[in-house]
């Protein structure tokens, strides 16, 4: 039937604004619950068919996104769920690192491989059975510690080269929890790069690649945290809860409330180092924030206008760093982070 015909388009609609603190458990350091709540916000993403397209165009607070805007060239939308769960895992990790560093802990990190963030179909990687979330740790028996290390190892190889990779395969649970199995060997036969392939941008790797694997990459970094932290974000994907999770963890680890007792929502990616990056669906998220009863919304600076367009009554702060978000909370009456558990001088 016509109504079941799917279109090459997705719709973003308002999701939920969820208090983060009840989702968090911490073992190994002291925590405290303070007045005021910090909310993460999400949106619903659905592929549109003919009937839903008609219904959604009659609704308010809907953003339509072409399918090819959601993934890199050649990467199918069937990988969106896995990519979203990997992004959430990365956001949680960065949130934990930045929260502990914000209250004075030293959190060392060790580069541990190259994580696949996308697999082109068809490609040598897809034919070899590689998946989003797999971590490449070696090429031909030589260790790989980051994404550029993998690029450099393959850069000069002729097309048709047989390469033996060491790979830690990912397992993604039905609710989006990632875990990794022991390293296994995967044999890949490289191909010639497609026309117009972009440069890797890696230092020390000059000229066009001779071989093509068909993946997008990020560094895999293992951090040594001073405590065990679990954040239950079952069935929530994407990186946009990063800032909200970071602020919540800082509040839990601190002696006094960093929000001044206010209910505050936040959206934005968080990077190790404290940079806050843009996310999608901010206007739709603002609707969810207003429905939840919060009146303050911290967003990436470039998306202040979008937040106001979704919910003009919100007080919106635009930031580019975690430090700016904390300063804005102090302007509301919050207190600068002060740890309940004194950090050990030798690190975590």
C-alpha atoms as a PDB file:
ATOM      1  CA  UNK A   1       0.000   0.000   0.000  1.00  0.00           C
ATOM      2  CA  UNK A   2       1.071   3.590  -0.665  1.00  0.00           C
ATOM      3  CA  UNK A   3       1.139   4.445   3.038  1.00  0.00           C
ATOM      4  CA  UNK A   4       3.805   1.841   3.664  1.00  0.00           C
ATOM      5  CA  UNK A   5       6.197   3.261   1.061  1.00  0.00           C
ATOM      6  CA  UNK A   6       9.136   4.730   2.961  1.00  0.00           C
ATOM      7  CA  UNK A   7      10.753   7.963   1.829  1.00  0.00           C
ATOM      8  CA  UNK A   8      14.390   8.995   1.844  1.00  0.00           C
ATOM      9  CA  UNK A   9      13.657  11.373   4.704  1.00  0.00           C
ATOM     10  CA  UNK A  10      13.529  11.321   8.500  1.00  0.00           C
ATOM     11  CA  UNK A  11      11.501  13.389  10.962  1.00  0.00           C
ATOM     12  CA  UNK A  12      12.724  14.836  14.257  1.00  0.00           C
ATOM     13  CA  UNK A  13       9.975  15.403  16.829  1.00  0.00           C
ATOM     14  CA  UNK A  14      10.131  16.394  20.519  1.00  0.00           C
ATOM     15  CA  UNK A  15      11.188  13.569  22.826  1.00  0.00           C
ATOM     16  CA  UNK A  16      11.624  13.719  26.587  1.00  0.00           C
ATOM     17  CA  UNK A  17      13.448  15.802  29.172  1.00  0.00           C
ATOM     18  CA  UNK A  18      14.744  13.315  31.721  1.00  0.00           C
ATOM     19  CA  UNK A  19      16.435  14.036  35.090  1.00  0.00           C
ATOM     20  CA  UNK A  20      19.903  12.527  34.871  1.00  0.00           C
ATOM     21  CA  UNK A  21      20.779  11.964  38.550  1.00  0.00           C
ATOM     22  CA  UNK A  22      18.405   8.985  39.029  1.00  0.00           C
ATOM     23  CA  UNK A  23      20.170   7.277  36.118  1.00  0.00           C
ATOM     24  CA  UNK A  24      23.601   7.485  37.781  1.00  0.00           C
ATOM     25  CA  UNK A  25      25.311   5.159  40.245  1.00  0.00           C
ATOM     26  CA  UNK A  26      28.806   5.859  41.600  1.00  0.00           C
ATOM     27  CA  UNK A  27      30.994   3.485  43.622  1.00  0.00           C
ATOM     28  CA  UNK A  28      34.365   4.433  45.079  1.00  0.00           C
ATOM     29  CA  UNK A  29      33.940   8.110  46.017  1.00  0.00           C
ATOM     30  CA  UNK A  30      31.356  10.068  47.999  1.00  0.00           C
ATOM     31  CA  UNK A  31      28.357  11.666  46.277  1.00  0.00           C
ATOM     32  CA  UNK A  32      25.482  13.890  47.380  1.00  0.00           C
ATOM     33  CA  UNK A  33      22.058  14.766  45.990  1.00  0.00           C
ATOM     34  CA  UNK A  34      21.340  18.502  45.967  1.00  0.00           C
ATOM     35  CA  UNK A  35      18.207  20.610  45.356  1.00  0.00           C
ATOM     36  CA  UNK A  36      17.468  21.221  41.711  1.00  0.00           C
ATOM     37  CA  UNK A  37      17.543  18.796  38.811  1.00  0.00           C
ATOM     38  CA  UNK A  38      19.597  18.581  35.622  1.00  0.00           C
ATOM     39  CA  UNK A  39      17.751  17.206  32.595  1.00  0.00           C
ATOM     40  CA  UNK A  40      19.029  15.579  29.435  1.00  0.00           C
ATOM     41  CA  UNK A  41      16.831  16.028  26.387  1.00  0.00           C
ATOM     42  CA  UNK A  42      16.243  13.869  23.356  1.00  0.00           C
ATOM     43  CA  UNK A  43      14.210  13.739  20.163  1.00  0.00           C
ATOM     44  CA  UNK A  44      12.394  11.003  18.322  1.00  0.00           C
ATOM     45  CA  UNK A  45      13.894  10.114  14.942  1.00  0.00           C
ATOM     46  CA  UNK A  46      11.680   8.185  12.540  1.00  0.00           C
ATOM     47  CA  UNK A  47      11.864   7.357   8.875  1.00  0.00           C
ATOM     48  CA  UNK A  48       8.928   8.883   7.055  1.00  0.00           C
ATOM     49  CA  UNK A  49       6.445   7.065   4.829  1.00  0.00           C
ATOM     50  CA  UNK A  50       3.820   8.665   2.614  1.00  0.00           C
ATOM     51  CA  UNK A  51       1.055   8.713   5.244  1.00  0.00           C
ATOM     52  CA  UNK A  52       3.258   9.869   8.122  1.00  0.00           C
ATOM     53  CA  UNK A  53       4.736  12.591   5.887  1.00  0.00           C
ATOM     54  CA  UNK A  54       1.273  14.013   5.377  1.00  0.00           C
ATOM     55  CA  UNK A  55       0.400  13.811   9.079  1.00  0.00           C
ATOM     56  CA  UNK A  56       3.698  15.273  10.259  1.00  0.00           C
ATOM     57  CA  UNK A  57       3.460  18.236   7.886  1.00  0.00           C
ATOM     58  CA  UNK A  58       0.243  19.167   9.661  1.00  0.00           C
ATOM     59  CA  UNK A  59       1.958  18.998  13.078  1.00  0.00           C
ATOM     60  CA  UNK A  60       4.031  21.604  14.863  1.00  0.00           C
ATOM     61  CA  UNK A  61       7.581  21.178  16.134  1.00  0.00           C
ATOM     62  CA  UNK A  62       8.763  18.797  13.390  1.00  0.00           C
ATOM     63  CA  UNK A  63      12.075  18.984  11.543  1.00  0.00           C
ATOM     64  CA  UNK A  64      12.619  16.947   8.361  1.00  0.00           C
ATOM     65  CA  UNK A  65      16.122  15.673   7.580  1.00  0.00           C
ATOM     66  CA  UNK A  66      17.267  13.974   4.348  1.00  0.00           C
ATOM     67  CA  UNK A  67      18.634  10.481   4.953  1.00  0.00           C
ATOM     68  CA  UNK A  68      21.980  11.330   3.326  1.00  0.00           C
ATOM     69  CA  UNK A  69      22.509  14.101   5.899  1.00  0.00           C
ATOM     70  CA  UNK A  70      22.549  11.576   8.741  1.00  0.00           C
ATOM     71  CA  UNK A  71      25.519   9.440   7.646  1.00  0.00           C
ATOM     72  CA  UNK A  72      28.793   9.987   5.741  1.00  0.00           C
ATOM     73  CA  UNK A  73      28.841   9.179   2.002  1.00  0.00           C
ATOM     74  CA  UNK A  74      28.515   5.443   1.376  1.00  0.00           C
ATOM     75  CA  UNK A  75      27.519   4.600   4.949  1.00  0.00           C
ATOM     76  CA  UNK A  76      23.960   3.190   5.035  1.00  0.00           C
ATOM     77  CA  UNK A  77      21.282   4.445   7.413  1.00  0.00           C
ATOM     78  CA  UNK A  78      21.024   0.869   8.719  1.00  0.00           C
ATOM     79  CA  UNK A  79      24.097   1.764  10.813  1.00  0.00           C
ATOM     80  CA  UNK A  80      22.365   4.701  12.539  1.00  0.00           C
ATOM     81  CA  UNK A  81      21.408   2.748  15.668  1.00  0.00           C
ATOM     82  CA  UNK A  82      24.920   1.366  16.189  1.00  0.00           C
ATOM     83  CA  UNK A  83      26.444   4.785  15.512  1.00  0.00           C
ATOM     84  CA  UNK A  84      24.064   6.399  17.995  1.00  0.00           C
ATOM     85  CA  UNK A  85      24.919   3.917  20.742  1.00  0.00           C
ATOM     86  CA  UNK A  86      28.649   4.356  20.086  1.00  0.00           C
ATOM     87  CA  UNK A  87      28.211   8.126  20.300  1.00  0.00           C
ATOM     88  CA  UNK A  88      26.374   7.755  23.606  1.00  0.00           C
ATOM     89  CA  UNK A  89      29.149   5.547  24.965  1.00  0.00           C
ATOM     90  CA  UNK A  90      31.733   8.155  23.905  1.00  0.00           C
ATOM     91  CA  UNK A  91      29.653  10.933  25.477  1.00  0.00           C
ATOM     92  CA  UNK A  92      29.412   9.037  28.748  1.00  0.00           C
ATOM     93  CA  UNK A  93      33.162   8.444  28.810  1.00  0.00           C
ATOM     94  CA  UNK A  94      33.989  12.102  28.125  1.00  0.00           C
ATOM     95  CA  UNK A  95      31.413  13.182  30.746  1.00  0.00           C
ATOM     96  CA  UNK A  96      33.048  10.999  33.392  1.00  0.00           C
ATOM     97  CA  UNK A  97      36.550  12.229  32.556  1.00  0.00           C
ATOM     98  CA  UNK A  98      35.565  15.901  32.546  1.00  0.00           C
ATOM     99  CA  UNK A  99      33.476  15.626  35.721  1.00  0.00           C
ATOM    100  CA  UNK A 100      36.299  14.118  37.749  1.00  0.00           C
ATOM    101  CA  UNK A 101      38.800  16.584  36.315  1.00  0.00           C
ATOM    102  CA  UNK A 102      36.444  19.464  37.202  1.00  0.00           C
ATOM    103  CA  UNK A 103      36.537  18.501  40.886  1.00  0.00           C
ATOM    104  CA  UNK A 104      40.315  18.137  40.931  1.00  0.00           C
ATOM    105  CA  UNK A 105      41.100  14.551  39.983  1.00  0.00           C
ATOM    106  CA  UNK A 106      43.828  13.617  37.554  1.00  0.00           C
ATOM    107  CA  UNK A 107      42.431  11.180  34.977  1.00  0.00           C
ATOM    108  CA  UNK A 108      45.141   9.669  32.758  1.00  0.00           C
ATOM    109  CA  UNK A 109      44.313   8.199  29.357  1.00  0.00           C
ATOM    110  CA  UNK A 110      46.043   5.682  27.113  1.00  0.00           C
ATOM    111  CA  UNK A 111      45.483   5.387  23.364  1.00  0.00           C
ATOM    112  CA  UNK A 112      44.295   1.863  22.640  1.00  0.00           C
ATOM    113  CA  UNK A 113      43.377   1.566  18.949  1.00  0.00           C
ATOM    114  CA  UNK A 114      41.206   2.907  16.106  1.00  0.00           C
ATOM    115  CA  UNK A 115      37.428   2.612  16.509  1.00  0.00           C
ATOM    116  CA  UNK A 116      35.232   2.205  13.437  1.00  0.00           C
ATOM    117  CA  UNK A 117      32.473   4.845  13.460  1.00  0.00           C
ATOM    118  CA  UNK A 118      31.082   3.944  10.040  1.00  0.00           C
ATOM    119  CA  UNK A 119      31.467   1.150   7.466  1.00  0.00           C
ATOM    120  CA  UNK A 120      30.910   1.907   3.780  1.00  0.00           C
ATOM    121  CA  UNK A 121      28.741  -0.610   1.901  1.00  0.00           C
ATOM    122  CA  UNK A 122      30.036  -2.194  -0.262  1.00  0.00           C
ATOM    123  CA  UNK A 123      33.709  -1.990   0.723  1.00  0.00           C
ATOM    124  CA  UNK A 124      36.606  -4.239   1.790  1.00  0.00           C
ATOM    125  CA  UNK A 125      35.631  -3.589   5.428  1.00  0.00           C
ATOM    126  CA  UNK A 126      31.995  -4.627   4.946  1.00  0.00           C
ATOM    127  CA  UNK A 127      33.004  -7.743   2.985  1.00  0.00           C
ATOM    128  CA  UNK A 128      35.317  -8.705   5.852  1.00  0.00           C
ATOM    129  CA  UNK A 129      32.449  -8.419   8.336  1.00  0.00           C
ATOM    130  CA  UNK A 130      33.716  -5.358  10.214  1.00  0.00           C
ATOM    131  CA  UNK A 131      31.092  -3.380  12.148  1.00  0.00           C
ATOM    132  CA  UNK A 132      30.560   0.018  13.718  1.00  0.00           C
ATOM    133  CA  UNK A 133      32.225  -0.056  17.142  1.00  0.00           C
ATOM    134  CA  UNK A 134      34.924  -2.607  16.292  1.00  0.00           C
ATOM    135  CA  UNK A 135      38.399  -1.505  17.405  1.00  0.00           C
ATOM    136  CA  UNK A 136      41.446  -2.156  15.211  1.00  0.00           C
ATOM    137  CA  UNK A 137      44.474  -2.787  17.423  1.00  0.00           C
ATOM    138  CA  UNK A 138      47.058  -4.117  14.940  1.00  0.00           C
ATOM    139  CA  UNK A 139      47.966  -4.287  11.253  1.00  0.00           C
ATOM    140  CA  UNK A 140      50.197  -7.162  10.202  1.00  0.00           C
ATOM    141  CA  UNK A 141      51.119  -7.784  13.818  1.00  0.00           C
ATOM    142  CA  UNK A 142      52.179  -4.171  14.449  1.00  0.00           C
ATOM    143  CA  UNK A 143      50.218  -2.327  17.165  1.00  0.00           C
ATOM    144  CA  UNK A 144      47.789   0.436  16.184  1.00  0.00           C
ATOM    145  CA  UNK A 145      47.165   3.008  18.909  1.00  0.00           C
ATOM    146  CA  UNK A 146      44.923   5.536  17.152  1.00  0.00           C
ATOM    147  CA  UNK A 147      43.011   6.361  13.971  1.00  0.00           C
ATOM    148  CA  UNK A 148      45.936   8.046  12.219  1.00  0.00           C
ATOM    149  CA  UNK A 149      48.104   5.028  13.012  1.00  0.00           C
ATOM    150  CA  UNK A 150      45.686   2.855  11.034  1.00  0.00           C
ATOM    151  CA  UNK A 151      45.575   5.378   8.175  1.00  0.00           C
ATOM    152  CA  UNK A 152      49.376   5.489   8.041  1.00  0.00           C
ATOM    153  CA  UNK A 153      49.661   1.692   8.052  1.00  0.00           C
ATOM    154  CA  UNK A 154      47.368   1.365   5.014  1.00  0.00           C
ATOM    155  CA  UNK A 155      48.241   4.589   3.194  1.00  0.00           C
ATOM    156  CA  UNK A 156      51.010   3.328   0.916  1.00  0.00           C
ATOM    157  CA  UNK A 157      49.713  -0.178   0.214  1.00  0.00           C
ATOM    158  CA  UNK A 158      48.773  -1.046  -3.361  1.00  0.00           C
ATOM    159  CA  UNK A 159      45.110  -1.851  -4.066  1.00  0.00           C
ATOM    160  CA  UNK A 160      44.517  -5.590  -3.731  1.00  0.00           C
ATOM    161  CA  UNK A 161      46.889  -5.937  -0.781  1.00  0.00           C
ATOM    162  CA  UNK A 162      45.962  -8.653   1.706  1.00  0.00           C
ATOM    163  CA  UNK A 163      46.073  -7.195   5.221  1.00  0.00           C
ATOM    164  CA  UNK A 164      45.699  -9.021   8.517  1.00  0.00           C
ATOM    165  CA  UNK A 165      44.090  -6.882  11.184  1.00  0.00           C
ATOM    166  CA  UNK A 166      43.859  -7.384  14.920  1.00  0.00           C
ATOM    167  CA  UNK A 167      40.286  -6.444  15.860  1.00  0.00           C
ATOM    168  CA  UNK A 168      38.401  -6.233  19.143  1.00  0.00           C
ATOM    169  CA  UNK A 169      34.832  -6.970  17.977  1.00  0.00           C
ATOM    170  CA  UNK A 170      32.048  -4.973  19.574  1.00  0.00           C
ATOM    171  CA  UNK A 171      28.882  -6.398  21.052  1.00  0.00           C
ATOM    172  CA  UNK A 172      25.885  -4.044  21.300  1.00  0.00           C
ATOM    173  CA  UNK A 173      23.053  -5.178  23.570  1.00  0.00           C
ATOM    174  CA  UNK A 174      19.399  -4.708  22.722  1.00  0.00           C
ATOM    175  CA  UNK A 175      19.362  -1.576  24.924  1.00  0.00           C
ATOM    176  CA  UNK A 176      22.526  -0.062  23.457  1.00  0.00           C
ATOM    177  CA  UNK A 177      25.241  -1.113  25.918  1.00  0.00           C
ATOM    178  CA  UNK A 178      28.608  -1.698  24.226  1.00  0.00           C
ATOM    179  CA  UNK A 179      31.153  -4.323  25.275  1.00  0.00           C
ATOM    180  CA  UNK A 180      34.167  -5.761  23.495  1.00  0.00           C
ATOM    181  CA  UNK A 181      35.322  -9.323  22.915  1.00  0.00           C
ATOM    182  CA  UNK A 182      38.961 -10.460  22.870  1.00  0.00           C
ATOM    183  CA  UNK A 183      41.084  -9.598  19.841  1.00  0.00           C
ATOM    184  CA  UNK A 184      40.571 -11.755  16.760  1.00  0.00           C
ATOM    185  CA  UNK A 185      42.340 -11.791  13.395  1.00  0.00           C
ATOM    186  CA  UNK A 186      40.502 -10.428  10.356  1.00  0.00           C
ATOM    187  CA  UNK A 187      41.858 -10.656   6.811  1.00  0.00           C
ATOM    188  CA  UNK A 188      40.977  -7.793   4.465  1.00  0.00           C
ATOM    189  CA  UNK A 189      41.831  -7.281   0.795  1.00  0.00           C
ATOM    190  CA  UNK A 190      42.131  -3.552   0.096  1.00  0.00           C
ATOM    191  CA  UNK A 191      40.625  -1.820  -2.922  1.00  0.00           C
ATOM    192  CA  UNK A 192      41.421   1.269  -4.965  1.00  0.00           C
ATOM    193  CA  UNK A 193      40.054   4.481  -3.407  1.00  0.00           C
ATOM    194  CA  UNK A 194      36.853   5.849  -4.965  1.00  0.00           C
ATOM    195  CA  UNK A 195      37.093   8.954  -7.104  1.00  0.00           C
ATOM    196  CA  UNK A 196      37.145  12.121  -5.077  1.00  0.00           C
ATOM    197  CA  UNK A 197      38.132  10.440  -1.804  1.00  0.00           C
ATOM    198  CA  UNK A 198      39.019  13.050   0.811  1.00  0.00           C
ATOM    199  CA  UNK A 199      42.415  13.363   2.432  1.00  0.00           C
ATOM    200  CA  UNK A 200      42.745  11.797   5.874  1.00  0.00           C
ATOM    201  CA  UNK A 201      44.100  14.971   7.463  1.00  0.00           C
ATOM    202  CA  UNK A 202      46.588  12.947   9.498  1.00  0.00           C
ATOM    203  CA  UNK A 203      49.963  14.530  10.211  1.00  0.00           C
ATOM    204  CA  UNK A 204      52.796  12.789   8.411  1.00  0.00           C
ATOM    205  CA  UNK A 205      50.484  11.186   5.829  1.00  0.00           C
ATOM    206  CA  UNK A 206      50.863  13.092   2.567  1.00  0.00           C
ATOM    207  CA  UNK A 207      49.322  12.571  -0.823  1.00  0.00           C
ATOM    208  CA  UNK A 208      46.299  10.449  -1.749  1.00  0.00           C
ATOM    209  CA  UNK A 209      45.797   7.027  -0.177  1.00  0.00           C
ATOM    210  CA  UNK A 210      46.649   4.128  -2.486  1.00  0.00           C
ATOM    211  CA  UNK A 211      44.406   1.647  -0.685  1.00  0.00           C
ATOM    212  CA  UNK A 212      40.800   1.882   0.473  1.00  0.00           C
ATOM    213  CA  UNK A 213      39.317   0.062   3.462  1.00  0.00           C
ATOM    214  CA  UNK A 214      35.938   1.821   3.570  1.00  0.00           C
ATOM    215  CA  UNK A 215      35.637   3.028   7.158  1.00  0.00           C
ATOM    216  CA  UNK A 216      35.380   6.214   9.187  1.00  0.00           C
ATOM    217  CA  UNK A 217      37.448   6.297  12.368  1.00  0.00           C
ATOM    218  CA  UNK A 218      38.016   7.793  15.791  1.00  0.00           C
ATOM    219  CA  UNK A 219      40.696   7.222  18.419  1.00  0.00           C
ATOM    220  CA  UNK A 220      39.993   4.622  21.081  1.00  0.00           C
ATOM    221  CA  UNK A 221      41.286   5.901  24.435  1.00  0.00           C
ATOM    222  CA  UNK A 222      41.167   4.047  27.754  1.00  0.00           C
ATOM    223  CA  UNK A 223      40.884   6.310  30.830  1.00  0.00           C
ATOM    224  CA  UNK A 224      41.709   5.374  34.415  1.00  0.00           C
ATOM    225  CA  UNK A 225      38.855   6.794  36.498  1.00  0.00           C
ATOM    226  CA  UNK A 226      39.032   7.139  40.292  1.00  0.00           C
ATOM    227  CA  UNK A 227      35.626   5.468  40.751  1.00  0.00           C
ATOM    228  CA  UNK A 228      33.134   3.258  38.965  1.00  0.00           C
ATOM    229  CA  UNK A 229      30.347   5.253  37.336  1.00  0.00           C
ATOM    230  CA  UNK A 230      27.331   3.815  35.553  1.00  0.00           C
ATOM    231  CA  UNK A 231      24.793   5.925  33.652  1.00  0.00           C
ATOM    232  CA  UNK A 232      21.690   4.058  32.560  1.00  0.00           C
ATOM    233  CA  UNK A 233      20.784   5.537  29.165  1.00  0.00           C
ATOM    234  CA  UNK A 234      19.032   2.429  27.847  1.00  0.00           C
ATOM    235  CA  UNK A 235      17.733   2.860  24.307  1.00  0.00           C
ATOM    236  CA  UNK A 236      19.074   6.437  24.033  1.00  0.00           C
ATOM    237  CA  UNK A 237      21.649   7.050  21.313  1.00  0.00           C
ATOM    238  CA  UNK A 238      23.653   9.999  20.089  1.00  0.00           C
ATOM    239  CA  UNK A 239      26.127  12.407  21.690  1.00  0.00           C
ATOM    240  CA  UNK A 240      23.791  15.240  22.685  1.00  0.00           C
ATOM    241  CA  UNK A 241      23.398  14.249  26.355  1.00  0.00           C
ATOM    242  CA  UNK A 242      27.116  14.781  26.944  1.00  0.00           C
ATOM    243  CA  UNK A 243      26.884  18.199  28.585  1.00  0.00           C
ATOM    244  CA  UNK A 244      23.900  17.233  30.772  1.00  0.00           C
ATOM    245  CA  UNK A 245      25.650  14.079  31.995  1.00  0.00           C
ATOM    246  CA  UNK A 246      28.835  16.010  32.754  1.00  0.00           C
ATOM    247  CA  UNK A 247      27.014  18.660  34.788  1.00  0.00           C
ATOM    248  CA  UNK A 248      25.065  15.997  36.678  1.00  0.00           C
ATOM    249  CA  UNK A 249      28.211  14.088  37.627  1.00  0.00           C
ATOM    250  CA  UNK A 250      29.927  17.293  38.772  1.00  0.00           C
ATOM    251  CA  UNK A 251      26.889  18.122  40.912  1.00  0.00           C
ATOM    252  CA  UNK A 252      26.870  14.637  42.469  1.00  0.00           C
ATOM    253  CA  UNK A 253      30.615  14.757  43.211  1.00  0.00           C
ATOM    254  CA  UNK A 254      30.426  18.276  44.687  1.00  0.00           C
ATOM    255  CA  UNK A 255      29.817  19.390  48.252  1.00  0.00           C
ATOM    256  CA  UNK A 256      27.231  22.004  47.222  1.00  0.00           C
ATOM    257  CA  UNK A 257      24.713  22.453  44.402  1.00  0.00           C
ATOM    258  CA  UNK A 258      26.217  23.759  41.169  1.00  0.00           C
ATOM    259  CA  UNK A 259      22.712  24.768  39.928  1.00  0.00           C
ATOM    260  CA  UNK A 260      21.686  26.889  42.908  1.00  0.00           C
ATOM    261  CA  UNK A 261      18.681  24.630  43.362  1.00  0.00           C
ATOM    262  CA  UNK A 262      17.262  25.378  39.904  1.00  0.00           C
ATOM    263  CA  UNK A 263      15.881  22.845  37.449  1.00  0.00           C
ATOM    264  CA  UNK A 264      18.189  23.099  34.435  1.00  0.00           C
ATOM    265  CA  UNK A 265      18.161  21.299  31.100  1.00  0.00           C
ATOM    266  CA  UNK A 266      21.231  20.985  28.889  1.00  0.00           C
ATOM    267  CA  UNK A 267      22.117  19.674  25.468  1.00  0.00           C
ATOM    268  CA  UNK A 268      25.406  19.593  23.583  1.00  0.00           C
ATOM    269  CA  UNK A 269      28.258  17.243  22.899  1.00  0.00           C
ATOM    270  CA  UNK A 270      31.124  17.104  25.378  1.00  0.00           C
ATOM    271  CA  UNK A 271      34.702  16.393  24.412  1.00  0.00           C
ATOM    272  CA  UNK A 272      37.594  15.420  26.614  1.00  0.00           C
ATOM    273  CA  UNK A 273      39.124  18.836  27.193  1.00  0.00           C
ATOM    274  CA  UNK A 274      35.758  20.481  27.892  1.00  0.00           C
ATOM    275  CA  UNK A 275      34.617  21.695  24.452  1.00  0.00           C
ATOM    276  CA  UNK A 276      30.837  21.760  23.951  1.00  0.00           C
ATOM    277  CA  UNK A 277      29.696  21.056  20.392  1.00  0.00           C
ATOM    278  CA  UNK A 278      26.486  21.482  18.376  1.00  0.00           C
ATOM    279  CA  UNK A 279      23.732  18.866  18.180  1.00  0.00           C
ATOM    280  CA  UNK A 280      20.544  18.398  16.187  1.00  0.00           C
ATOM    281  CA  UNK A 281      16.914  19.034  17.019  1.00  0.00           C
ATOM    282  CA  UNK A 282      17.455  21.829  19.549  1.00  0.00           C
ATOM    283  CA  UNK A 283      14.115  23.493  18.779  1.00  0.00           C
ATOM    284  CA  UNK A 284      12.320  20.188  19.346  1.00  0.00           C
ATOM    285  CA  UNK A 285      14.319  19.577  22.529  1.00  0.00           C
ATOM    286  CA  UNK A 286      13.308  22.990  23.832  1.00  0.00           C
ATOM    287  CA  UNK A 287       9.675  21.915  23.533  1.00  0.00           C
ATOM    288  CA  UNK A 288      10.443  18.846  25.668  1.00  0.00           C
ATOM    289  CA  UNK A 289      12.241  21.018  28.245  1.00  0.00           C
ATOM    290  CA  UNK A 290       9.289  23.369  28.555  1.00  0.00           C
ATOM    291  CA  UNK A 291       6.866  20.447  28.894  1.00  0.00           C
ATOM    292  CA  UNK A 292       9.018  19.035  31.739  1.00  0.00           C
ATOM    293  CA  UNK A 293       8.704  22.279  33.683  1.00  0.00           C
ATOM    294  CA  UNK A 294      12.329  23.440  33.509  1.00  0.00           C
ATOM    295  CA  UNK A 295      12.872  27.122  32.774  1.00  0.00           C
ATOM    296  CA  UNK A 296      16.625  27.190  32.057  1.00  0.00           C
ATOM    297  CA  UNK A 297      18.196  25.570  28.988  1.00  0.00           C
ATOM    298  CA  UNK A 298      21.948  25.451  28.320  1.00  0.00           C
ATOM    299  CA  UNK A 299      22.738  24.826  24.648  1.00  0.00           C
ATOM    300  CA  UNK A 300      25.672  25.141  22.247  1.00  0.00           C
ATOM    301  CA  UNK A 301      26.166  28.823  21.452  1.00  0.00           C
ATOM    302  CA  UNK A 302      25.371  28.382  17.757  1.00  0.00           C
ATOM    303  CA  UNK A 303      21.918  27.016  18.630  1.00  0.00           C
ATOM    304  CA  UNK A 304      20.521  29.668  20.975  1.00  0.00           C
ATOM    305  CA  UNK A 305      18.175  30.923  18.269  1.00  0.00           C
ATOM    306  CA  UNK A 306      16.866  27.410  17.606  1.00  0.00           C
ATOM    307  CA  UNK A 307      16.137  26.931  21.319  1.00  0.00           C
ATOM    308  CA  UNK A 308      14.209  30.208  21.475  1.00  0.00           C
ATOM    309  CA  UNK A 309      12.226  29.274  18.364  1.00  0.00           C
ATOM    310  CA  UNK A 310      11.041  26.055  19.998  1.00  0.00           C
ATOM    311  CA  UNK A 311      10.161  27.539  23.382  1.00  0.00           C
ATOM    312  CA  UNK A 312      10.393  31.359  23.578  1.00  0.00           C
ATOM    313  CA  UNK A 313       9.688  31.358  27.319  1.00  0.00           C
ATOM    314  CA  UNK A 314      12.883  29.536  28.298  1.00  0.00           C
ATOM    315  CA  UNK A 315      15.931  31.291  29.678  1.00  0.00           C
ATOM    316  CA  UNK A 316      18.635  30.083  27.298  1.00  0.00           C
ATOM    317  CA  UNK A 317      22.399  30.167  27.826  1.00  0.00           C
ATOM    318  CA  UNK A 318      24.706  29.508  24.867  1.00  0.00           C
ATOM    319  CA  UNK A 319      28.127  27.997  25.573  1.00  0.00           C
ATOM    320  CA  UNK A 320      31.130  26.556  23.768  1.00  0.00           C
ATOM    321  CA  UNK A 321      32.885  25.076  26.817  1.00  0.00           C
ATOM    322  CA  UNK A 322      32.068  23.296  30.053  1.00  0.00           C
ATOM    323  CA  UNK A 323      33.722  26.156  31.961  1.00  0.00           C
ATOM    324  CA  UNK A 324      31.202  28.595  30.446  1.00  0.00           C
ATOM    325  CA  UNK A 325      28.292  26.348  31.457  1.00  0.00           C
ATOM    326  CA  UNK A 326      29.563  26.226  35.042  1.00  0.00           C
ATOM    327  CA  UNK A 327      29.976  30.014  35.055  1.00  0.00           C
ATOM    328  CA  UNK A 328      26.385  30.452  33.849  1.00  0.00           C
ATOM    329  CA  UNK A 329      25.171  28.187  36.651  1.00  0.00           C
ATOM    330  CA  UNK A 330      27.099  30.286  39.178  1.00  0.00           C
ATOM    331  CA  UNK A 331      25.271  33.339  37.797  1.00  0.00           C
ATOM    332  CA  UNK A 332      22.029  31.551  38.736  1.00  0.00           C
ATOM    333  CA  UNK A 333      23.246  31.040  42.303  1.00  0.00           C
ATOM    334  CA  UNK A 334      25.176  27.801  41.961  1.00  0.00           C
ATOM    335  CA  UNK A 335      28.461  27.103  43.718  1.00  0.00           C
ATOM    336  CA  UNK A 336      31.771  26.286  42.043  1.00  0.00           C
ATOM    337  CA  UNK A 337      32.587  22.538  42.143  1.00  0.00           C
ATOM    338  CA  UNK A 338      34.206  21.405  45.400  1.00  0.00           C
ATOM    339  CA  UNK A 339      34.789  17.649  45.807  1.00  0.00           C
ATOM    340  CA  UNK A 340      33.240  15.602  48.573  1.00  0.00           C
ATOM    341  CA  UNK A 341      36.130  13.152  48.296  1.00  0.00           C
ATOM    342  CA  UNK A 342      39.532  14.830  48.221  1.00  0.00           C
ATOM    343  CA  UNK A 343      41.421  13.833  45.063  1.00  0.00           C
ATOM    344  CA  UNK A 344      44.566  11.791  45.558  1.00  0.00           C
ATOM    345  CA  UNK A 345      47.629  13.714  44.415  1.00  0.00           C
ATOM    346  CA  UNK A 346      48.987  10.706  42.534  1.00  0.00           C
ATOM    347  CA  UNK A 347      45.873  10.499  40.328  1.00  0.00           C
ATOM    348  CA  UNK A 348      43.014   8.025  40.099  1.00  0.00           C
END
